[in-house]
Amino acid sequence: MAESINAFYKAELITMQGPWRNVDDVELATLGWVHWWNHRRLLASIGNIPPVEFETRWTTTQAADNTDHHDAYQGVLT
């Protein structure tokens, strides 16, 4: 999987937006690309939402499920 991400990175950023003046320019562009990859890229396999949105929804759901299970368990003890 990491090799696929590296290939996307090289194709979409390094090759298409180069040539680069210096390493600092590449580093800044890389930061922007990583932010896009994690926060704005729409991923079809998770419902055409950005990965960070999916993770937030999942975390919220897990927290709610844990609270429900905790409440149910407490009811058994009392």
PDB file of N, CA and C in Angstrom:
ATOM      1  N   MET A   1       0.830  -1.190   0.000  1.00  0.00           N
ATOM      2  CA  MET A   1       0.000   0.000   0.000  1.00  0.00           C
ATOM      3  C   MET A   1       0.878   1.259   0.000  1.00  0.00           C
ATOM      4  N   ALA A   2       1.938   1.239   0.778  1.00  0.00           N
ATOM      5  CA  ALA A   2       2.816   2.418   0.830  1.00  0.00           C
ATOM      6  C   ALA A   2       3.407   2.720  -0.537  1.00  0.00           C
ATOM      7  N   GLU A   3       3.723   1.695  -1.302  1.00  0.00           N
ATOM      8  CA  GLU A   3       4.273   1.915  -2.637  1.00  0.00           C
ATOM      9  C   GLU A   3       3.250   2.586  -3.541  1.00  0.00           C
ATOM     10  N   SER A   4       1.984   2.242  -3.381  1.00  0.00           N
ATOM     11  CA  SER A   4       0.927   2.886  -4.174  1.00  0.00           C
ATOM     12  C   SER A   4       0.817   4.364  -3.837  1.00  0.00           C
ATOM     13  N   ILE A   5       0.860   4.683  -2.552  1.00  0.00           N
ATOM     14  CA  ILE A   5       0.778   6.084  -2.133  1.00  0.00           C
ATOM     15  C   ILE A   5       1.976   6.860  -2.660  1.00  0.00           C
ATOM     16  N   ASN A   6       3.160   6.253  -2.582  1.00  0.00           N
ATOM     17  CA  ASN A   6       4.352   6.920  -3.117  1.00  0.00           C
ATOM     18  C   ASN A   6       4.223   7.170  -4.611  1.00  0.00           C
ATOM     19  N   ALA A   7       3.656   6.222  -5.332  1.00  0.00           N
ATOM     20  CA  ALA A   7       3.471   6.389  -6.780  1.00  0.00           C
ATOM     21  C   ALA A   7       2.499   7.535  -7.065  1.00  0.00           C
ATOM     22  N   PHE A   8       1.393   7.608  -6.310  1.00  0.00           N
ATOM     23  CA  PHE A   8       0.451   8.721  -6.471  1.00  0.00           C
ATOM     24  C   PHE A   8       1.135  10.050  -6.192  1.00  0.00           C
ATOM     25  N   TYR A   9       1.875  10.087  -5.110  1.00  0.00           N
ATOM     26  CA  TYR A   9       2.584  11.300  -4.708  1.00  0.00           C
ATOM     27  C   TYR A   9       3.532  11.757  -5.812  1.00  0.00           C
ATOM     28  N   LYS A  10       4.322  10.841  -6.315  1.00  0.00           N
ATOM     29  CA  LYS A  10       5.289  11.188  -7.362  1.00  0.00           C
ATOM     30  C   LYS A  10       4.586  11.639  -8.637  1.00  0.00           C
ATOM     31  N   ALA A  11       3.534  10.924  -9.017  1.00  0.00           N
ATOM     32  CA  ALA A  11       2.836  11.261 -10.263  1.00  0.00           C
ATOM     33  C   ALA A  11       2.060  12.567 -10.145  1.00  0.00           C
ATOM     34  N   GLU A  12       1.314  12.735  -9.051  1.00  0.00           N
ATOM     35  CA  GLU A  12       0.430  13.887  -8.921  1.00  0.00           C
ATOM     36  C   GLU A  12       1.146  15.160  -8.487  1.00  0.00           C
ATOM     37  N   LEU A  13       2.199  15.033  -7.730  1.00  0.00           N
ATOM     38  CA  LEU A  13       2.843  16.228  -7.208  1.00  0.00           C
ATOM     39  C   LEU A  13       4.218  16.459  -7.831  1.00  0.00           C
ATOM     40  N   ILE A  14       5.106  15.537  -7.626  1.00  0.00           N
ATOM     41  CA  ILE A  14       6.493  15.758  -8.016  1.00  0.00           C
ATOM     42  C   ILE A  14       6.630  15.929  -9.530  1.00  0.00           C
ATOM     43  N   THR A  15       6.057  15.026 -10.292  1.00  0.00           N
ATOM     44  CA  THR A  15       6.208  15.084 -11.745  1.00  0.00           C
ATOM     45  C   THR A  15       5.367  16.187 -12.377  1.00  0.00           C
ATOM     46  N   MET A  16       4.097  16.270 -11.985  1.00  0.00           N
ATOM     47  CA  MET A  16       3.186  17.210 -12.644  1.00  0.00           C
ATOM     48  C   MET A  16       3.455  18.666 -12.273  1.00  0.00           C
ATOM     49  N   GLN A  17       3.931  18.918 -11.068  1.00  0.00           N
ATOM     50  CA  GLN A  17       4.091  20.305 -10.642  1.00  0.00           C
ATOM     51  C   GLN A  17       5.543  20.769 -10.637  1.00  0.00           C
ATOM     52  N   GLY A  18       6.467  19.879 -10.967  1.00  0.00           N
ATOM     53  CA  GLY A  18       7.881  20.256 -11.053  1.00  0.00           C
ATOM     54  C   GLY A  18       8.142  21.037 -12.328  1.00  0.00           C
ATOM     55  N   PRO A  19       9.330  21.450 -12.582  1.00  0.00           N
ATOM     56  CA  PRO A  19      10.544  21.218 -11.808  1.00  0.00           C
ATOM     57  C   PRO A  19      10.576  22.126 -10.571  1.00  0.00           C
ATOM     58  N   TRP A  20      11.298  21.662  -9.546  1.00  0.00           N
ATOM     59  CA  TRP A  20      11.364  22.336  -8.264  1.00  0.00           C
ATOM     60  C   TRP A  20      12.647  23.143  -8.146  1.00  0.00           C
ATOM     61  N   ARG A  21      12.551  24.299  -7.515  1.00  0.00           N
ATOM     62  CA  ARG A  21      13.726  25.165  -7.341  1.00  0.00           C
ATOM     63  C   ARG A  21      14.678  24.650  -6.274  1.00  0.00           C
ATOM     64  N   ASN A  22      14.107  24.126  -5.172  1.00  0.00           N
ATOM     65  CA  ASN A  22      14.961  23.637  -4.096  1.00  0.00           C
ATOM     66  C   ASN A  22      14.177  22.668  -3.207  1.00  0.00           C
ATOM     67  N   VAL A  23      14.856  22.100  -2.244  1.00  0.00           N
ATOM     68  CA  VAL A  23      14.257  21.111  -1.346  1.00  0.00           C
ATOM     69  C   VAL A  23      13.134  21.731  -0.516  1.00  0.00           C
ATOM     70  N   ASP A  24      13.295  22.963  -0.106  1.00  0.00           N
ATOM     71  CA  ASP A  24      12.253  23.626   0.689  1.00  0.00           C
ATOM     72  C   ASP A  24      10.933  23.689  -0.070  1.00  0.00           C
ATOM     73  N   ASP A  25      10.991  23.961  -1.362  1.00  0.00           N
ATOM     74  CA  ASP A  25       9.768  24.003  -2.176  1.00  0.00           C
ATOM     75  C   ASP A  25       9.094  22.630  -2.215  1.00  0.00           C
ATOM     76  N   VAL A  26       9.902  21.586  -2.333  1.00  0.00           N
ATOM     77  CA  VAL A  26       9.352  20.230  -2.354  1.00  0.00           C
ATOM     78  C   VAL A  26       8.731  19.900  -0.998  1.00  0.00           C
ATOM     79  N   GLU A  27       9.382  20.276   0.081  1.00  0.00           N
ATOM     80  CA  GLU A  27       8.848  20.003   1.418  1.00  0.00           C
ATOM     81  C   GLU A  27       7.514  20.707   1.639  1.00  0.00           C
ATOM     82  N   LEU A  28       7.414  21.965   1.262  1.00  0.00           N
ATOM     83  CA  LEU A  28       6.152  22.700   1.422  1.00  0.00           C
ATOM     84  C   LEU A  28       5.042  22.107   0.564  1.00  0.00           C
ATOM     85  N   ALA A  29       5.379  21.754  -0.662  1.00  0.00           N
ATOM     86  CA  ALA A  29       4.385  21.140  -1.545  1.00  0.00           C
ATOM     87  C   ALA A  29       3.947  19.783  -0.995  1.00  0.00           C
ATOM     88  N   THR A  30       4.885  19.049  -0.424  1.00  0.00           N
ATOM     89  CA  THR A  30       4.566  17.740   0.162  1.00  0.00           C
ATOM     90  C   THR A  30       3.607  17.890   1.328  1.00  0.00           C
ATOM     91  N   LEU A  31       3.836  18.878   2.181  1.00  0.00           N
ATOM     92  CA  LEU A  31       2.913  19.122   3.296  1.00  0.00           C
ATOM     93  C   LEU A  31       1.499  19.393   2.792  1.00  0.00           C
ATOM     94  N   GLY A  32       1.383  20.197   1.755  1.00  0.00           N
ATOM     95  CA  GLY A  32       0.072  20.480   1.178  1.00  0.00           C
ATOM     96  C   GLY A  32      -0.576  19.241   0.592  1.00  0.00           C
ATOM     97  N   TRP A  33       0.231  18.421  -0.078  1.00  0.00           N
ATOM     98  CA  TRP A  33      -0.300  17.207  -0.699  1.00  0.00           C
ATOM     99  C   TRP A  33      -0.774  16.227   0.364  1.00  0.00           C
ATOM    100  N   VAL A  34      -0.017  16.066   1.435  1.00  0.00           N
ATOM    101  CA  VAL A  34      -0.410  15.151   2.512  1.00  0.00           C
ATOM    102  C   VAL A  34      -1.694  15.644   3.175  1.00  0.00           C
ATOM    103  N   HIS A  35      -1.810  16.935   3.369  1.00  0.00           N
ATOM    104  CA  HIS A  35      -3.048  17.487   3.937  1.00  0.00           C
ATOM    105  C   HIS A  35      -4.229  17.187   3.019  1.00  0.00           C
ATOM    106  N   TRP A  36      -4.052  17.415   1.736  1.00  0.00           N
ATOM    107  CA  TRP A  36      -5.114  17.086   0.771  1.00  0.00           C
ATOM    108  C   TRP A  36      -5.452  15.600   0.845  1.00  0.00           C
ATOM    109  N   TRP A  37      -4.446  14.745   0.864  1.00  0.00           N
ATOM    110  CA  TRP A  37      -4.636  13.290   0.863  1.00  0.00           C
ATOM    111  C   TRP A  37      -5.461  12.848   2.066  1.00  0.00           C
ATOM    112  N   ASN A  38      -5.228  13.439   3.213  1.00  0.00           N
ATOM    113  CA  ASN A  38      -5.913  13.025   4.437  1.00  0.00           C
ATOM    114  C   ASN A  38      -7.227  13.745   4.699  1.00  0.00           C
ATOM    115  N   HIS A  39      -7.350  14.999   4.244  1.00  0.00           N
ATOM    116  CA  HIS A  39      -8.492  15.824   4.661  1.00  0.00           C
ATOM    117  C   HIS A  39      -9.473  16.194   3.559  1.00  0.00           C
ATOM    118  N   ARG A  40      -9.080  16.170   2.313  1.00  0.00           N
ATOM    119  CA  ARG A  40      -9.987  16.637   1.255  1.00  0.00           C
ATOM    120  C   ARG A  40     -10.249  15.607   0.164  1.00  0.00           C
ATOM    121  N   ARG A  41      -9.386  14.622   0.021  1.00  0.00           N
ATOM    122  CA  ARG A  41      -9.534  13.612  -1.037  1.00  0.00           C
ATOM    123  C   ARG A  41     -10.783  12.795  -0.763  1.00  0.00           C
ATOM    124  N   LEU A  42     -11.621  12.622  -1.769  1.00  0.00           N
ATOM    125  CA  LEU A  42     -12.825  11.818  -1.614  1.00  0.00           C
ATOM    126  C   LEU A  42     -12.485  10.369  -1.958  1.00  0.00           C
ATOM    127  N   LEU A  43     -12.822   9.474  -1.065  1.00  0.00           N
ATOM    128  CA  LEU A  43     -12.476   8.075  -1.223  1.00  0.00           C
ATOM    129  C   LEU A  43     -13.750   7.272  -1.470  1.00  0.00           C
ATOM    130  N   ALA A  44     -13.875   6.705  -2.657  1.00  0.00           N
ATOM    131  CA  ALA A  44     -15.094   6.008  -3.062  1.00  0.00           C
ATOM    132  C   ALA A  44     -15.427   4.824  -2.156  1.00  0.00           C
ATOM    133  N   SER A  45     -14.417   4.099  -1.705  1.00  0.00           N
ATOM    134  CA  SER A  45     -14.669   2.890  -0.924  1.00  0.00           C
ATOM    135  C   SER A  45     -15.284   3.166   0.450  1.00  0.00           C
ATOM    136  N   ILE A  46     -15.271   4.416   0.896  1.00  0.00           N
ATOM    137  CA  ILE A  46     -15.879   4.757   2.186  1.00  0.00           C
ATOM    138  C   ILE A  46     -17.037   5.741   2.025  1.00  0.00           C
ATOM    139  N   GLY A  47     -17.589   5.819   0.838  1.00  0.00           N
ATOM    140  CA  GLY A  47     -18.781   6.633   0.614  1.00  0.00           C
ATOM    141  C   GLY A  47     -18.515   8.021   0.071  1.00  0.00           C
ATOM    142  N   ASN A  48     -17.418   8.194  -0.654  1.00  0.00           N
ATOM    143  CA  ASN A  48     -17.064   9.485  -1.262  1.00  0.00           C
ATOM    144  C   ASN A  48     -16.967  10.611  -0.247  1.00  0.00           C
ATOM    145  N   ILE A  49     -16.334  10.286   0.875  1.00  0.00           N
ATOM    146  CA  ILE A  49     -16.037  11.291   1.886  1.00  0.00           C
ATOM    147  C   ILE A  49     -14.533  11.258   2.160  1.00  0.00           C
ATOM    148  N   PRO A  50     -13.980  12.328   2.701  1.00  0.00           N
ATOM    149  CA  PRO A  50     -12.549  12.330   3.023  1.00  0.00           C
ATOM    150  C   PRO A  50     -12.240  11.343   4.158  1.00  0.00           C
ATOM    151  N   PRO A  51     -11.044  10.774   4.156  1.00  0.00           N
ATOM    152  CA  PRO A  51     -10.677   9.827   5.206  1.00  0.00           C
ATOM    153  C   PRO A  51     -10.827  10.392   6.622  1.00  0.00           C
ATOM    154  N   VAL A  52     -10.479  11.640   6.833  1.00  0.00           N
ATOM    155  CA  VAL A  52     -10.575  12.209   8.182  1.00  0.00           C
ATOM    156  C   VAL A  52     -12.035  12.295   8.634  1.00  0.00           C
ATOM    157  N   GLU A  53     -12.950  12.545   7.715  1.00  0.00           N
ATOM    158  CA  GLU A  53     -14.372  12.582   8.074  1.00  0.00           C
ATOM    159  C   GLU A  53     -14.870  11.182   8.443  1.00  0.00           C
ATOM    160  N   PHE A  54     -14.438  10.188   7.675  1.00  0.00           N
ATOM    161  CA  PHE A  54     -14.801   8.811   7.976  1.00  0.00           C
ATOM    162  C   PHE A  54     -14.286   8.413   9.356  1.00  0.00           C
ATOM    163  N   GLU A  55     -13.046   8.763   9.652  1.00  0.00           N
ATOM    164  CA  GLU A  55     -12.452   8.424  10.941  1.00  0.00           C
ATOM    165  C   GLU A  55     -13.204   9.097  12.082  1.00  0.00           C
ATOM    166  N   THR A  56     -13.603  10.348  11.903  1.00  0.00           N
ATOM    167  CA  THR A  56     -14.354  11.061  12.934  1.00  0.00           C
ATOM    168  C   THR A  56     -15.704  10.388  13.177  1.00  0.00           C
ATOM    169  N   ARG A  57     -16.395  10.043  12.093  1.00  0.00           N
ATOM    170  CA  ARG A  57     -17.684   9.359  12.239  1.00  0.00           C
ATOM    171  C   ARG A  57     -17.509   8.022  12.949  1.00  0.00           C
ATOM    172  N   TRP A  58     -16.475   7.270  12.559  1.00  0.00           N
ATOM    173  CA  TRP A  58     -16.230   5.960  13.153  1.00  0.00           C
ATOM    174  C   TRP A  58     -15.939   6.100  14.637  1.00  0.00           C
ATOM    175  N   THR A  59     -15.088   7.053  15.005  1.00  0.00           N
ATOM    176  CA  THR A  59     -14.730   7.261  16.410  1.00  0.00           C
ATOM    177  C   THR A  59     -15.959   7.641  17.228  1.00  0.00           C
ATOM    178  N   THR A  60     -16.803   8.509  16.690  1.00  0.00           N
ATOM    179  CA  THR A  60     -18.023   8.916  17.381  1.00  0.00           C
ATOM    180  C   THR A  60     -18.954   7.725  17.583  1.00  0.00           C
ATOM    181  N   THR A  61     -19.091   6.898  16.563  1.00  0.00           N
ATOM    182  CA  THR A  61     -19.941   5.709  16.647  1.00  0.00           C
ATOM    183  C   THR A  61     -19.409   4.744  17.697  1.00  0.00           C
ATOM    184  N   GLN A  62     -18.088   4.545  17.707  1.00  0.00           N
ATOM    185  CA  GLN A  62     -17.485   3.636  18.684  1.00  0.00           C
ATOM    186  C   GLN A  62     -17.692   4.145  20.104  1.00  0.00           C
ATOM    187  N   ALA A  63     -17.548   5.440  20.305  1.00  0.00           N
ATOM    188  CA  ALA A  63     -17.743   6.017  21.633  1.00  0.00           C
ATOM    189  C   ALA A  63     -19.188   5.825  22.085  1.00  0.00           C
ATOM    190  N   ALA A  64     -20.142   6.039  21.175  1.00  0.00           N
ATOM    191  CA  ALA A  64     -21.560   5.859  21.512  1.00  0.00           C
ATOM    192  C   ALA A  64     -21.852   4.396  21.823  1.00  0.00           C
ATOM    193  N   ASP A  65     -21.281   3.476  21.042  1.00  0.00           N
ATOM    194  CA  ASP A  65     -21.483   2.048  21.288  1.00  0.00           C
ATOM    195  C   ASP A  65     -20.914   1.645  22.643  1.00  0.00           C
ATOM    196  N   ASN A  66     -19.752   2.152  22.979  1.00  0.00           N
ATOM    197  CA  ASN A  66     -19.141   1.819  24.267  1.00  0.00           C
ATOM    198  C   ASN A  66     -19.972   2.343  25.425  1.00  0.00           C
ATOM    199  N   THR A  67     -20.552   3.523  25.273  1.00  0.00           N
ATOM    200  CA  THR A  67     -21.406   4.088  26.315  1.00  0.00           C
ATOM    201  C   THR A  67     -22.658   3.240  26.487  1.00  0.00           C
ATOM    202  N   ASP A  68     -23.259   2.824  25.365  1.00  0.00           N
ATOM    203  CA  ASP A  68     -24.455   1.981  25.427  1.00  0.00           C
ATOM    204  C   ASP A  68     -24.154   0.664  26.121  1.00  0.00           C
ATOM    205  N   HIS A  69     -23.037   0.031  25.780  1.00  0.00           N
ATOM    206  CA  HIS A  69     -22.670  -1.240  26.400  1.00  0.00           C
ATOM    207  C   HIS A  69     -22.374  -1.042  27.888  1.00  0.00           C
ATOM    208  N   HIS A  70     -21.729   0.055  28.227  1.00  0.00           N
ATOM    209  CA  HIS A  70     -21.411   0.342  29.628  1.00  0.00           C
ATOM    210  C   HIS A  70     -22.704   0.521  30.425  1.00  0.00           C
ATOM    211  N   ASP A  71     -23.664   1.300  29.862  1.00  0.00           N
ATOM    212  CA  ASP A  71     -24.932   1.519  30.542  1.00  0.00           C
ATOM    213  C   ASP A  71     -25.687   0.203  30.734  1.00  0.00           C
ATOM    214  N   ALA A  72     -25.681  -0.642  29.724  1.00  0.00           N
ATOM    215  CA  ALA A  72     -26.389  -1.913  29.816  1.00  0.00           C
ATOM    216  C   ALA A  72     -25.738  -2.798  30.880  1.00  0.00           C
ATOM    217  N   TYR A  73     -24.432  -2.814  30.928  1.00  0.00           N
ATOM    218  CA  TYR A  73     -23.703  -3.603  31.914  1.00  0.00           C
ATOM    219  C   TYR A  73     -23.988  -3.094  33.323  1.00  0.00           C
ATOM    220  N   GLN A  74     -24.040  -1.779  33.505  1.00  0.00           N
ATOM    221  CA  GLN A  74     -24.319  -1.197  34.812  1.00  0.00           C
ATOM    222  C   GLN A  74     -25.703  -1.595  35.287  1.00  0.00           C
ATOM    223  N   GLY A  75     -26.655  -1.675  34.340  1.00  0.00           N
ATOM    224  CA  GLY A  75     -28.011  -2.084  34.701  1.00  0.00           C
ATOM    225  C   GLY A  75     -28.064  -3.492  35.246  1.00  0.00           C
ATOM    226  N   VAL A  76     -27.200  -4.380  34.762  1.00  0.00           N
ATOM    227  CA  VAL A  76     -27.153  -5.751  35.230  1.00  0.00           C
ATOM    228  C   VAL A  76     -26.610  -5.816  36.650  1.00  0.00           C
ATOM    229  N   LEU A  77     -25.663  -4.947  36.963  1.00  0.00           N
ATOM    230  CA  LEU A  77     -25.030  -4.969  38.277  1.00  0.00           C
ATOM    231  C   LEU A  77     -25.901  -4.387  39.369  1.00  0.00           C
ATOM    232  N   THR A  78     -26.843  -3.510  39.023  1.00  0.00           N
ATOM    233  CA  THR A  78     -27.636  -2.858  40.066  1.00  0.00           C
ATOM    234  C   THR A  78     -28.912  -3.586  40.334  1.00  0.00           C
TER     235      THR A  78
END
